[in-house]
Amino acid sequence: MKGFLFNENLPKRVQFSPSLPVIPVAQIGVSPTDTAVWEFARQHELVIVSKDADFSERIIMRQPPP
């Protein structure tokens, strides 16, 4: 793991003091699809931080990269 990918559904004022980098999902593009977020996290060895239930369902259906 090389850092955290914060999904757009999280408030910007979330207080989080990790030792690894935090990357906002906006760096991928404007409103990227869940698949794009998933693949970006996989390719860059990032952990997705999200309130979106779609990601927990995706973990059950696929091998979880992030």
Protein backbone atom coordinates (compact mmCIF):
# COMPACT_ATOMS: atom_id res chain seq x y z
CA MET A 1 0.00 0.00 0.00
CA LYS A 2 1.34 3.37 -1.03
CA GLY A 3 -1.44 5.69 0.13
CA PHE A 4 -5.15 6.38 0.38
CA LEU A 5 -7.61 7.35 -2.36
CA PHE A 6 -10.43 9.45 -0.86
CA ASN A 7 -13.69 9.11 -2.76
CA GLU A 8 -15.71 12.22 -3.63
CA ASN A 9 -18.54 11.30 -1.25
CA LEU A 10 -16.42 12.10 1.81
CA PRO A 11 -16.55 15.58 3.34
CA LYS A 12 -13.46 17.66 2.59
CA ARG A 13 -13.15 18.52 6.28
CA VAL A 14 -12.52 14.90 7.35
CA GLN A 15 -9.63 14.91 9.80
CA PHE A 16 -7.18 12.19 8.94
CA SER A 17 -3.48 12.18 9.73
CA PRO A 18 -1.97 9.19 7.94
CA SER A 19 1.70 8.51 7.47
CA LEU A 20 1.03 7.79 3.77
CA PRO A 21 -0.22 10.21 1.07
CA VAL A 22 -3.93 10.99 0.67
CA ILE A 23 -5.05 11.42 -2.95
CA PRO A 24 -8.47 12.92 -3.74
CA VAL A 25 -10.43 11.04 -6.37
CA ALA A 26 -10.74 14.33 -8.29
CA GLN A 27 -7.19 13.69 -9.54
CA ILE A 28 -8.63 10.88 -11.69
CA GLY A 29 -11.14 13.23 -13.34
CA VAL A 30 -14.56 14.76 -12.89
CA SER A 31 -16.96 12.22 -11.33
CA PRO A 32 -15.04 9.07 -12.34
CA THR A 33 -16.93 5.80 -12.43
CA ASP A 34 -16.51 3.28 -9.62
CA THR A 35 -14.60 1.07 -12.06
CA ALA A 36 -12.18 3.90 -12.87
CA VAL A 37 -11.63 4.57 -9.15
CA TRP A 38 -11.12 0.85 -8.48
CA GLU A 39 -8.60 0.45 -11.33
CA PHE A 40 -6.69 3.61 -10.41
CA ALA A 41 -6.38 2.37 -6.82
CA ARG A 42 -5.26 -1.06 -8.01
CA GLN A 43 -2.65 0.32 -10.41
CA HIS A 44 -1.22 2.75 -7.84
CA GLU A 45 -1.49 0.42 -4.81
CA LEU A 46 -3.90 2.72 -2.96
CA VAL A 47 -6.59 1.94 -0.40
CA ILE A 48 -10.00 3.38 -1.31
CA VAL A 49 -11.66 5.33 1.50
CA SER A 50 -15.37 5.74 0.73
CA LYS A 51 -18.88 5.73 2.16
CA ASP A 52 -20.13 4.19 -1.10
CA ALA A 53 -21.64 0.72 -0.50
CA ASP A 54 -20.85 -0.23 -4.11
CA PHE A 55 -17.20 -0.73 -3.16
CA SER A 56 -17.99 -3.19 -0.35
CA GLU A 57 -20.19 -5.15 -2.77
CA ARG A 58 -17.39 -5.10 -5.35
CA ILE A 59 -14.98 -6.61 -2.81
CA ILE A 60 -17.33 -9.58 -2.41
CA MET A 61 -17.70 -10.01 -6.18
CA ARG A 62 -14.02 -9.50 -7.15
CA GLN A 63 -10.64 -9.90 -5.66
CA PRO A 64 -10.05 -6.74 -3.62
CA PRO A 65 -7.03 -4.77 -4.78
CA PRO A 66 -7.50 -1.75 -2.53
